[in-house]
């Protein structure tokens, strides 16, 4: 089974990858194992591949990049087969996947160890699965790194994904999406997407030192339209798309376009862009796919002050990756709050995805796979708490009463794993008799992993803030309480 490293955007997945490569290399030397060939697959964008290549090459100088602007596959293959290179980075597309199989076949024939790191694995999952996983899953070590997973990945893996447990997925310096100043904005359905952005730009006044992030859409024409409108409003536009990294500087009549060759990562370019081009007005970075996944834009020298994401998009991963450009992990930086303007729908999806990526470690232990239902409802774990196990329903209810939630307690029974069904009469209402399903669990920690259908618990005064549940424990019926801890000052 493929092992997945799920970490939030900009929280150090590449650093984790580098450390794992180092650990495996040292382990191989210590145990006198066969040599290791590490293959890093990047997102199918040269911008991200370049960024990842630069970071890994600092620790592994023999790293080679297979791309049109660097080394050909044949060049790299010759160096691998002559022991001149053991580390390769490559874009994630079908042509390169076919090239990877040739390297894998060589390594297997010569009894070498293959470590395959698939960065942003969710983006190219389907092709990767058919060309690599289905053929080599039992023969090589495959680790997928991503900030988001989807239902298809679970279903294609037999209903479960094997997540690598990471005790501390973020550091105390990590600035999450929800740490920013989020301002909910409505789309005007009478306007095009681009004109909604223009309407937003016209509504706010920006200072000369502000840095703005505009998502645009997947169309390059959208980026260029926004570029023109920004320029007319005294904003210096930068477009990042398949036409490269372009900055449009102010001149007497028309903007001067400068194409910047991305030899270094974009973060390094933006870090010095104001000084290099003497920019004394707001900057707007405009793009969608190219800067929207894995690419680091911010630094302590270049932080976004405003962002507007008004996409008519339902893909959770795409939205989270875009808004994830506004997260950061700087050690010496005061947490800057970016003003993020999004629709309520986008905000809800992104908060949910971020919460899952941060809290996945709470529901997976070493060597324990996670099913889709468990992953889908991670968001409930941080909002709800459970009581200890009580011998009777009354004892459980009395405990909740002592926590001042008695008036909102309602009997209910939800479960992922059903052991039995009993006929149960509510002692608070003897006329109410229900068939109650019992939940089974072995340990209290395991119980915390289960999903109990909390979607029906709202935050209005008319909704229950606590529930009582019968469970089947040690061949006996026991009782636990579940309460919405953020509403009550208990524990």
Foldseek 3Di string as FASTA:
>chain_A
DAAEAAFAFAFQPLVVVLVVVVVVQVVCVVVVHAAEAEEEEDEQFVQLLLASCVVNCVVVVLEFEDDPVGDPLVVVLVCVVVVNHRYYYYYDDLVVLVSVVVVVVVCVVVVHAYEYEYEQCQVNVVSCCVSPCVVCVPPHHYYYYFNFHDQVVCVVVVQWHHYDFDPFSHDPQKQDLVNAAEDADDADPVDDPLVSVLVVVVVDDDAQQAEEEEAQDQDPVRLVVNCVSCVVVVEWEWEDDPVATWTWPDDDPGTDIDHDDPNDRQQVCQLCVCVVVVRRGYYYYYHAPNCQANGAHHDLSDAHQEYEYEDPDDDLRSLLSRSSNNMHRDDPHDDHHHYYYYHPNSVVSNVQSNQLSRCVSLQDDPPRIDGPQLSNPSVVLVQKDKDDKAADQVVQLVVVVVQVQNVQEDEDAFEPAFDDWDWDADPVHRVDIDTHTAYEDADPSNVSSIDGPCPQADDDPNGHQKYKYWHQYPNGTIIMMMGRCVVTPDD
